[in-house]
N, C-alpha and C. Protein backbone atom coordinates (compact mmCIF):
# COMPACT_ATOMS: atom_id res chain seq x y z
N MET A 1 74.06 36.98 176.91
CA MET A 1 72.68 37.18 176.79
C MET A 1 72.29 38.15 175.65
N PHE A 2 72.96 39.43 175.50
CA PHE A 2 72.74 40.23 174.41
C PHE A 2 73.88 41.14 174.25
N GLU A 3 74.06 41.79 173.05
CA GLU A 3 75.30 42.57 172.85
C GLU A 3 74.79 44.02 172.90
N MET A 4 75.67 44.89 173.47
CA MET A 4 75.38 46.34 173.58
C MET A 4 76.46 47.01 173.04
N ASN A 5 76.29 48.28 172.58
CA ASN A 5 77.25 49.10 171.88
C ASN A 5 77.78 50.10 172.92
N THR A 6 77.68 49.79 174.14
CA THR A 6 78.25 50.59 175.35
C THR A 6 79.47 49.88 175.90
N THR A 7 79.88 50.49 176.97
CA THR A 7 80.95 49.94 177.60
C THR A 7 80.84 48.38 178.09
N LYS A 8 81.79 47.59 178.25
CA LYS A 8 81.66 46.32 178.58
C LYS A 8 81.14 46.15 180.07
N SER A 9 81.41 47.17 180.96
CA SER A 9 81.06 47.00 182.37
C SER A 9 79.61 47.18 182.29
N ASN A 10 78.99 48.02 181.60
CA ASN A 10 77.38 48.23 181.53
C ASN A 10 76.86 46.87 180.99
N ALA A 11 77.41 46.29 179.98
CA ALA A 11 76.75 45.11 179.51
C ALA A 11 76.86 43.95 180.51
N VAL A 12 77.90 43.89 181.32
CA VAL A 12 78.03 42.83 182.30
C VAL A 12 77.00 43.16 183.40
N ARG A 13 76.87 44.40 183.84
CA ARG A 13 75.90 44.77 184.88
C ARG A 13 74.51 44.44 184.39
N ALA A 14 74.16 44.82 183.17
CA ALA A 14 72.84 44.48 182.69
C ALA A 14 72.54 43.00 182.65
N GLU A 15 73.51 42.21 182.26
CA GLU A 15 73.38 40.77 182.42
C GLU A 15 73.10 40.38 183.69
N ASP A 16 73.53 40.94 184.74
CA ASP A 16 73.34 40.55 186.12
C ASP A 16 71.97 40.74 186.59
N SER A 17 71.31 41.74 185.96
CA SER A 17 69.93 41.95 186.37
C SER A 17 69.13 40.86 185.72
N ARG A 18 68.16 40.19 186.46
CA ARG A 18 67.56 38.94 186.01
C ARG A 18 66.42 39.10 185.08
N ASP A 19 66.02 40.37 184.94
CA ASP A 19 64.77 40.54 184.10
C ASP A 19 65.08 41.39 182.93
N THR A 20 66.25 41.39 182.34
CA THR A 20 66.57 42.22 181.19
C THR A 20 65.85 41.70 180.04
N ALA A 21 65.17 40.53 180.16
CA ALA A 21 64.40 40.03 178.94
C ALA A 21 63.19 41.03 178.67
N SER A 22 62.79 41.72 179.74
CA SER A 22 61.53 42.53 179.61
C SER A 22 62.01 43.81 178.96
N ILE A 23 63.28 44.09 178.74
CA ILE A 23 63.64 45.36 178.14
C ILE A 23 63.48 45.20 176.74
N LYS A 24 62.60 46.02 176.00
CA LYS A 24 62.41 45.83 174.56
C LYS A 24 63.54 46.04 173.66
N SER A 25 64.32 47.12 173.95
CA SER A 25 65.48 47.37 173.06
C SER A 25 66.74 47.49 173.93
N PRO A 26 67.54 46.48 174.01
CA PRO A 26 68.77 46.46 174.89
C PRO A 26 69.79 47.59 174.34
N ALA A 27 69.72 47.96 173.20
CA ALA A 27 70.67 48.92 172.74
C ALA A 27 70.38 50.33 173.36
N SER A 28 69.25 50.51 173.86
CA SER A 28 68.99 51.80 174.41
C SER A 28 68.76 51.64 175.96
N LEU A 29 69.57 50.75 176.48
CA LEU A 29 69.50 50.58 177.98
C LEU A 29 70.51 51.51 178.69
N ALA A 30 70.02 52.29 179.71
CA ALA A 30 70.94 52.97 180.49
C ALA A 30 71.17 52.45 181.97
N MET A 31 72.19 52.84 182.43
CA MET A 31 72.62 52.19 183.80
C MET A 31 72.97 53.29 184.87
N ILE A 32 72.45 53.16 185.94
CA ILE A 32 72.81 53.99 187.15
C ILE A 32 73.60 53.05 187.97
N GLY A 33 74.90 53.04 188.11
CA GLY A 33 75.72 52.07 188.75
C GLY A 33 75.69 52.25 190.23
N SER A 34 76.13 51.27 190.99
CA SER A 34 76.00 51.02 192.44
C SER A 34 76.64 52.13 193.26
N SER A 35 77.69 52.89 192.71
CA SER A 35 78.30 53.90 193.42
C SER A 35 77.63 55.34 193.14
N ILE A 36 76.59 55.35 192.28
CA ILE A 36 76.10 56.68 191.96
C ILE A 36 74.95 56.97 192.91
N HIS A 37 74.83 58.24 193.30
CA HIS A 37 73.76 58.73 194.05
C HIS A 37 73.16 60.01 193.40
N ILE A 38 71.88 59.92 193.20
CA ILE A 38 71.12 60.92 192.44
C ILE A 38 70.05 61.50 193.28
N LYS A 39 69.98 62.79 193.45
CA LYS A 39 68.84 63.46 194.20
C LYS A 39 68.27 64.44 193.22
N GLY A 40 67.01 64.15 192.80
CA GLY A 40 66.18 65.01 191.88
C GLY A 40 65.37 64.18 190.91
N ASP A 41 65.07 64.70 189.75
CA ASP A 41 64.22 64.06 188.91
C ASP A 41 65.08 63.24 187.79
N VAL A 42 64.65 62.17 187.60
CA VAL A 42 65.33 61.27 186.48
C VAL A 42 64.21 61.02 185.45
N SER A 43 64.52 61.45 184.17
CA SER A 43 63.61 61.10 183.12
C SER A 43 64.33 60.78 181.81
N GLY A 44 63.78 60.07 180.92
CA GLY A 44 64.42 59.81 179.70
C GLY A 44 63.65 59.00 178.70
N GLU A 45 64.20 58.75 177.62
CA GLU A 45 63.55 58.20 176.40
C GLU A 45 64.14 56.72 176.13
N GLU A 46 64.75 56.18 177.27
CA GLU A 46 65.26 54.75 177.13
C GLU A 46 65.02 54.00 178.27
N SER A 47 65.06 52.70 178.33
CA SER A 47 64.96 51.94 179.51
C SER A 47 66.10 52.09 180.46
N LEU A 48 65.94 51.80 181.81
CA LEU A 48 66.91 52.14 182.83
C LEU A 48 67.06 51.04 183.80
N VAL A 49 68.34 50.70 184.26
CA VAL A 49 68.63 49.83 185.31
C VAL A 49 69.21 50.71 186.46
N ILE A 50 68.65 50.67 187.71
CA ILE A 50 69.13 51.45 188.77
C ILE A 50 69.81 50.44 189.71
N GLN A 51 71.06 50.45 189.84
CA GLN A 51 71.91 49.70 190.92
C GLN A 51 72.44 50.62 192.06
N GLY A 52 72.17 51.88 191.89
CA GLY A 52 72.58 52.91 192.86
C GLY A 52 71.52 53.33 193.66
N HIS A 53 71.72 54.64 194.20
CA HIS A 53 70.73 55.30 194.96
C HIS A 53 70.12 56.51 194.22
N VAL A 54 68.79 56.51 194.24
CA VAL A 54 68.03 57.49 193.49
C VAL A 54 66.93 58.05 194.43
N GLU A 55 66.90 59.40 194.70
CA GLU A 55 65.84 60.06 195.49
C GLU A 55 65.15 61.09 194.68
N GLY A 56 63.87 61.19 194.66
CA GLY A 56 63.13 62.15 193.79
C GLY A 56 61.99 61.46 193.03
N THR A 57 62.05 61.81 191.75
CA THR A 57 61.08 61.03 190.83
C THR A 57 61.71 60.50 189.63
N VAL A 58 61.29 59.30 189.24
CA VAL A 58 61.70 58.61 187.99
C VAL A 58 60.69 58.57 186.89
N ASN A 59 60.78 59.24 185.80
CA ASN A 59 59.63 59.26 184.80
C ASN A 59 60.28 58.70 183.53
N LEU A 60 59.91 57.49 183.29
CA LEU A 60 60.17 56.74 181.99
C LEU A 60 58.82 56.19 181.35
N LYS A 61 57.96 57.02 181.14
CA LYS A 61 56.50 56.55 180.94
C LYS A 61 56.51 55.62 179.68
N GLN A 62 57.33 55.75 178.61
CA GLN A 62 57.30 54.95 177.49
C GLN A 62 58.34 53.80 177.58
N ASN A 63 59.01 53.69 178.61
CA ASN A 63 60.22 52.67 178.76
C ASN A 63 60.04 51.92 180.00
N ASN A 64 61.03 51.04 180.18
CA ASN A 64 61.02 50.09 181.25
C ASN A 64 62.07 50.48 182.27
N LEU A 65 61.88 50.00 183.52
CA LEU A 65 62.81 50.29 184.58
C LEU A 65 62.92 49.04 185.52
N ILE A 66 64.21 48.75 185.77
CA ILE A 66 64.62 47.67 186.68
C ILE A 66 65.35 48.36 187.76
N ILE A 67 64.85 48.07 188.97
CA ILE A 67 65.66 48.41 190.18
C ILE A 67 66.40 47.19 190.60
N GLY A 68 67.71 47.10 190.34
CA GLY A 68 68.58 45.96 190.66
C GLY A 68 68.64 45.65 192.07
N GLN A 69 69.27 44.58 192.44
CA GLN A 69 69.33 44.00 193.76
C GLN A 69 70.16 45.13 194.68
N GLU A 70 71.02 45.73 194.07
CA GLU A 70 71.76 46.77 194.97
C GLU A 70 71.12 48.16 194.84
N GLY A 71 70.07 48.35 194.07
CA GLY A 71 69.35 49.54 194.00
C GLY A 71 68.69 49.93 195.16
N GLN A 72 68.71 51.24 195.54
CA GLN A 72 67.97 51.74 196.70
C GLN A 72 67.34 53.10 196.20
N VAL A 73 65.99 53.03 196.07
CA VAL A 73 65.24 54.02 195.49
C VAL A 73 64.23 54.61 196.43
N ASN A 74 64.18 56.02 196.57
CA ASN A 74 63.22 56.70 197.45
C ASN A 74 62.52 57.73 196.47
N ALA A 75 61.56 57.21 195.78
CA ALA A 75 61.03 58.09 194.63
C ALA A 75 59.68 57.69 194.21
N THR A 76 58.94 58.49 193.57
CA THR A 76 57.76 58.11 192.79
C THR A 76 58.06 57.78 191.37
N ILE A 77 57.66 56.64 190.91
CA ILE A 77 58.09 56.10 189.53
C ILE A 77 56.95 56.01 188.73
N HIS A 78 57.18 56.35 187.39
CA HIS A 78 56.21 56.16 186.31
C HIS A 78 57.14 55.54 185.14
N ALA A 79 56.60 54.29 184.69
CA ALA A 79 57.25 53.56 183.56
C ALA A 79 56.24 52.65 182.98
N GLN A 80 56.68 52.06 181.95
CA GLN A 80 55.92 51.08 181.20
C GLN A 80 55.81 49.63 182.11
N THR A 81 56.95 49.18 182.19
CA THR A 81 57.08 47.87 183.00
C THR A 81 58.24 48.20 184.08
N ILE A 82 57.87 47.90 185.32
CA ILE A 82 58.80 48.11 186.49
C ILE A 82 59.19 46.83 187.09
N THR A 83 60.39 46.48 187.30
CA THR A 83 60.85 45.26 187.87
C THR A 83 61.70 45.77 189.18
N ILE A 84 61.17 45.16 190.30
CA ILE A 84 61.94 45.59 191.51
C ILE A 84 62.61 44.42 192.13
N GLU A 85 63.92 44.57 192.15
CA GLU A 85 64.82 43.47 192.84
C GLU A 85 65.47 43.92 194.12
N GLY A 86 65.51 45.39 194.19
CA GLY A 86 66.14 45.93 195.28
C GLY A 86 65.23 46.63 196.22
N THR A 87 65.52 47.79 196.89
CA THR A 87 64.61 48.42 197.79
C THR A 87 64.04 49.63 197.25
N LEU A 88 62.62 49.78 197.48
CA LEU A 88 62.00 50.93 196.92
C LEU A 88 60.99 51.57 198.06
N LYS A 89 61.19 52.87 198.28
CA LYS A 89 60.27 53.53 199.21
C LYS A 89 59.66 54.58 198.36
N GLY A 90 58.33 54.42 197.99
CA GLY A 90 57.65 55.36 197.16
C GLY A 90 56.50 54.67 196.32
N ASP A 91 55.76 55.58 195.61
CA ASP A 91 54.56 55.00 194.80
C ASP A 91 55.12 54.68 193.46
N VAL A 92 54.56 53.54 192.86
CA VAL A 92 54.91 53.09 191.71
C VAL A 92 53.67 53.06 190.79
N PHE A 93 53.86 53.55 189.46
CA PHE A 93 52.82 53.57 188.43
C PHE A 93 53.37 52.88 187.22
N GLY A 94 52.92 51.74 187.07
CA GLY A 94 53.28 50.96 185.75
C GLY A 94 52.16 50.98 184.65
N ALA A 95 52.52 51.37 183.56
CA ALA A 95 51.44 51.47 182.52
C ALA A 95 51.10 50.06 182.09
N GLU A 96 51.99 49.14 182.16
CA GLU A 96 51.76 47.69 181.68
C GLU A 96 51.72 46.73 182.84
N ARG A 97 52.83 46.80 183.70
CA ARG A 97 53.01 45.76 184.82
C ARG A 97 53.99 46.31 185.83
N VAL A 98 53.82 45.60 186.92
CA VAL A 98 54.87 45.79 188.07
C VAL A 98 55.29 44.47 188.41
N ILE A 99 56.59 44.08 188.49
CA ILE A 99 57.01 42.79 188.80
C ILE A 99 57.93 42.91 190.18
N VAL A 100 57.61 42.23 191.17
CA VAL A 100 58.49 42.30 192.42
C VAL A 100 59.07 41.00 192.63
N LYS A 101 60.43 40.94 192.44
CA LYS A 101 61.18 39.75 192.59
C LYS A 101 61.30 39.36 194.12
N LYS A 102 61.88 38.14 194.38
CA LYS A 102 61.95 37.73 195.80
C LYS A 102 62.89 38.61 196.60
N THR A 103 63.71 39.24 196.08
CA THR A 103 64.68 40.07 196.75
C THR A 103 64.19 41.52 196.73
N GLY A 104 63.09 41.74 196.25
CA GLY A 104 62.45 43.10 196.19
C GLY A 104 61.88 43.46 197.68
N ASN A 105 61.95 44.68 198.03
CA ASN A 105 61.40 45.22 199.26
C ASN A 105 60.68 46.59 198.87
N ILE A 106 59.35 46.64 199.08
CA ILE A 106 58.71 47.89 198.74
C ILE A 106 57.94 48.40 199.83
N HIS A 107 58.02 49.70 200.11
CA HIS A 107 57.25 50.38 201.10
C HIS A 107 56.47 51.50 200.35
N GLY A 108 55.34 51.25 199.91
CA GLY A 108 54.60 52.26 199.02
C GLY A 108 53.52 51.60 198.34
N ASN A 109 52.83 52.37 197.47
CA ASN A 109 51.60 51.90 196.76
C ASN A 109 52.01 51.44 195.27
N ILE A 110 51.41 50.44 194.78
CA ILE A 110 51.61 49.98 193.47
C ILE A 110 50.30 50.19 192.53
N SER A 111 50.45 50.94 191.42
CA SER A 111 49.27 51.00 190.56
C SER A 111 49.76 50.56 189.18
N ALA A 112 49.07 49.48 188.67
CA ALA A 112 49.38 48.89 187.39
C ALA A 112 48.19 47.85 187.06
N PRO A 113 48.01 47.70 185.72
CA PRO A 113 47.05 46.74 185.18
C PRO A 113 47.40 45.21 185.66
N GLN A 114 48.76 44.95 185.73
CA GLN A 114 49.16 43.59 186.09
C GLN A 114 50.21 43.76 187.10
N VAL A 115 50.12 43.05 188.27
CA VAL A 115 51.08 43.08 189.36
C VAL A 115 51.49 41.58 189.73
N SER A 116 52.81 41.33 189.84
CA SER A 116 53.17 40.02 190.26
C SER A 116 54.18 40.09 191.25
N MET A 117 54.22 39.32 192.35
CA MET A 117 55.21 39.16 193.38
C MET A 117 55.64 37.80 193.64
N GLU A 118 56.91 37.64 193.57
CA GLU A 118 57.45 36.38 193.84
C GLU A 118 57.36 36.03 195.34
N GLU A 119 57.34 34.79 195.85
CA GLU A 119 57.37 34.38 197.15
C GLU A 119 58.67 34.73 197.77
N GLY A 120 58.45 35.54 198.97
CA GLY A 120 59.74 35.96 199.62
C GLY A 120 59.88 37.55 199.46
N ALA A 121 59.20 38.15 198.49
CA ALA A 121 59.15 39.61 198.30
C ALA A 121 58.49 40.27 199.42
N LYS A 122 59.08 41.41 199.91
CA LYS A 122 58.53 42.27 201.00
C LYS A 122 57.74 43.45 200.54
N PHE A 123 56.59 43.67 201.05
CA PHE A 123 55.65 44.65 200.54
C PHE A 123 54.84 45.19 201.63
N LYS A 124 54.82 46.54 201.70
CA LYS A 124 53.92 47.24 202.77
C LYS A 124 53.30 48.46 201.81
N GLY A 125 52.00 48.29 201.62
CA GLY A 125 51.30 49.33 200.92
C GLY A 125 50.08 48.91 200.28
N GLY A 126 49.48 49.56 199.37
CA GLY A 126 48.25 49.12 198.61
C GLY A 126 48.63 48.87 197.07
N ILE A 127 47.64 48.15 196.55
CA ILE A 127 47.76 47.81 195.17
C ILE A 127 46.45 48.18 194.51
N ASP A 128 46.55 48.96 193.32
CA ASP A 128 45.49 49.24 192.48
C ASP A 128 45.64 48.74 191.17
N MET A 129 44.93 47.71 190.85
CA MET A 129 45.06 46.95 189.49
C MET A 129 44.10 47.47 188.53
N ASP A 130 43.33 48.33 188.79
CA ASP A 130 42.32 49.07 187.92
C ASP A 130 42.92 50.31 187.36
N TYR A 131 44.27 50.46 187.45
CA TYR A 131 45.00 51.67 187.19
C TYR A 131 45.02 51.77 185.58
N LYS A 132 44.70 52.88 185.14
CA LYS A 132 44.98 53.13 183.65
C LYS A 132 45.99 54.36 183.52
N ALA A 133 47.02 54.26 182.96
CA ALA A 133 48.09 55.38 182.85
C ALA A 133 47.38 56.57 182.20
N PRO A 134 47.55 57.72 182.84
CA PRO A 134 46.96 59.00 182.23
C PRO A 134 47.65 59.27 180.93
N THR A 135 46.90 59.72 180.00
CA THR A 135 47.36 60.04 178.73
C THR A 135 47.81 61.52 178.65
N SER A 136 47.32 62.30 179.72
CA SER A 136 47.59 63.69 179.85
C SER A 136 47.97 64.05 181.23
N PRO A 137 48.52 65.32 181.47
CA PRO A 137 48.78 65.68 182.74
C PRO A 137 47.72 65.74 183.77
N ALA A 138 46.35 65.65 183.22
CA ALA A 138 45.11 65.67 184.14
C ALA A 138 45.21 64.53 185.08
N SER A 139 44.66 64.68 186.21
CA SER A 139 44.55 63.67 187.12
C SER A 139 43.64 62.45 186.60
N ARG A 140 43.72 61.28 187.15
CA ARG A 140 42.93 60.22 186.73
C ARG A 140 41.63 59.95 187.43
N ASN A 141 40.89 61.12 187.74
CA ASN A 141 39.66 61.08 188.34
C ASN A 141 38.51 60.34 187.50
N ASP A 142 38.83 60.16 186.23
CA ASP A 142 37.89 59.53 185.24
C ASP A 142 37.77 58.01 185.52
N ALA A 143 38.57 57.45 186.36
CA ALA A 143 38.43 56.01 186.59
C ALA A 143 37.10 55.77 187.36
N PRO A 144 36.51 54.52 187.09
CA PRO A 144 35.27 54.29 187.89
C PRO A 144 35.76 53.99 189.23
N SER A 145 34.79 54.28 190.22
CA SER A 145 35.12 54.18 191.61
C SER A 145 33.92 53.47 192.38
N ALA A 146 34.21 52.90 193.48
CA ALA A 146 33.12 52.37 194.19
C ALA A 146 32.29 53.40 194.97
N SER A 147 31.02 53.32 195.02
CA SER A 147 30.19 54.11 195.85
C SER A 147 29.80 53.54 197.14
N VAL A 148 29.71 54.30 198.19
CA VAL A 148 29.26 53.85 199.45
C VAL A 148 27.89 54.27 199.74
N VAL A 149 27.03 53.45 200.10
CA VAL A 149 25.67 53.85 200.31
C VAL A 149 25.37 53.77 201.81
N LYS A 150 24.93 54.82 202.46
CA LYS A 150 24.65 54.85 203.81
C LYS A 150 23.13 54.67 204.16
N PHE A 151 22.91 53.70 204.98
CA PHE A 151 21.59 53.31 205.40
C PHE A 151 21.07 54.23 206.40
N ASP A 152 19.86 54.94 206.24
CA ASP A 152 19.37 55.65 207.40
C ASP A 152 18.14 54.94 207.73
N SER A 153 18.28 54.32 208.95
CA SER A 153 17.24 53.49 209.59
C SER A 153 16.00 54.41 210.15
N THR A 154 16.13 55.71 210.21
CA THR A 154 15.13 56.36 210.70
C THR A 154 14.07 56.70 209.83
N SER A 155 14.22 56.52 208.45
CA SER A 155 13.23 56.75 207.47
C SER A 155 12.12 55.66 207.46
N GLY A 156 12.50 54.49 207.74
CA GLY A 156 11.68 53.33 207.90
C GLY A 156 11.29 52.75 206.46
N ASN A 157 11.52 53.46 205.41
CA ASN A 157 11.09 53.14 204.01
C ASN A 157 12.13 52.20 203.30
N GLU A 158 13.38 52.35 203.77
CA GLU A 158 14.59 51.61 203.00
C GLU A 158 14.82 50.44 203.92
N LYS A 159 15.40 49.40 203.18
CA LYS A 159 15.89 48.22 203.87
C LYS A 159 17.37 48.21 203.63
N PRO A 160 18.16 47.86 204.61
CA PRO A 160 19.59 47.68 204.36
C PRO A 160 19.95 46.68 203.19
N PRO A 161 20.95 46.75 202.55
CA PRO A 161 21.29 45.84 201.48
C PRO A 161 21.61 44.34 202.01
N PHE A 162 21.97 44.27 203.27
CA PHE A 162 22.22 43.00 203.87
C PHE A 162 22.05 43.14 205.40
N LYS A 163 21.84 41.96 206.03
CA LYS A 163 21.83 41.98 207.56
C LYS A 163 23.10 41.25 208.01
N GLN A 164 23.58 41.78 209.16
CA GLN A 164 24.80 41.16 209.69
C GLN A 164 24.53 41.10 211.23
N GLY A 165 24.30 39.78 211.57
CA GLY A 165 24.24 39.48 213.04
C GLY A 165 22.93 40.03 213.60
N GLY A 166 21.89 40.18 212.92
CA GLY A 166 20.74 40.76 213.45
C GLY A 166 20.34 41.97 212.75
N ASP A 167 19.14 42.53 213.26
CA ASP A 167 18.61 43.75 212.61
C ASP A 167 19.62 45.00 212.93
N LEU A 168 19.62 45.83 211.91
CA LEU A 168 20.36 47.12 212.15
C LEU A 168 19.52 48.18 212.72
N LYS A 169 19.89 48.81 213.74
CA LYS A 169 19.11 49.87 214.39
C LYS A 169 19.69 51.26 214.36
């Protein structure tokens, strides 16, 4: 599929992952193998494939992440494009998109402008597709939000925006 200047075993593992075409620069692809267990923060300036166990946070804001079929991640994730083929417990923030393959299993919230799930994927959580990746450490409270209007029927001057099964009292 592509050549890498790293060890042959990493190249073979990378080829096993089905979505390596979304990795922009294969030469800068890192791998966490299936026998590796990491507790803590993972960050970097290259794309990453996780086939092992990661617990904590994963921050690859300008790069892509693939959680392979053997990958088991319990973390909050920030990356450009995130592809999930394995198991993830935690919230996911994709600056471009989040892709959940049919073997993927997510228990957490997804925030990304584009989200796709293959038939057979398992998902429990919420999806926010109005997400805009923060450009600074400040919170993303600048995003537009829905407002709730409460109708006070005691004033008599206002009418509810809709009727549902009769008059509101």
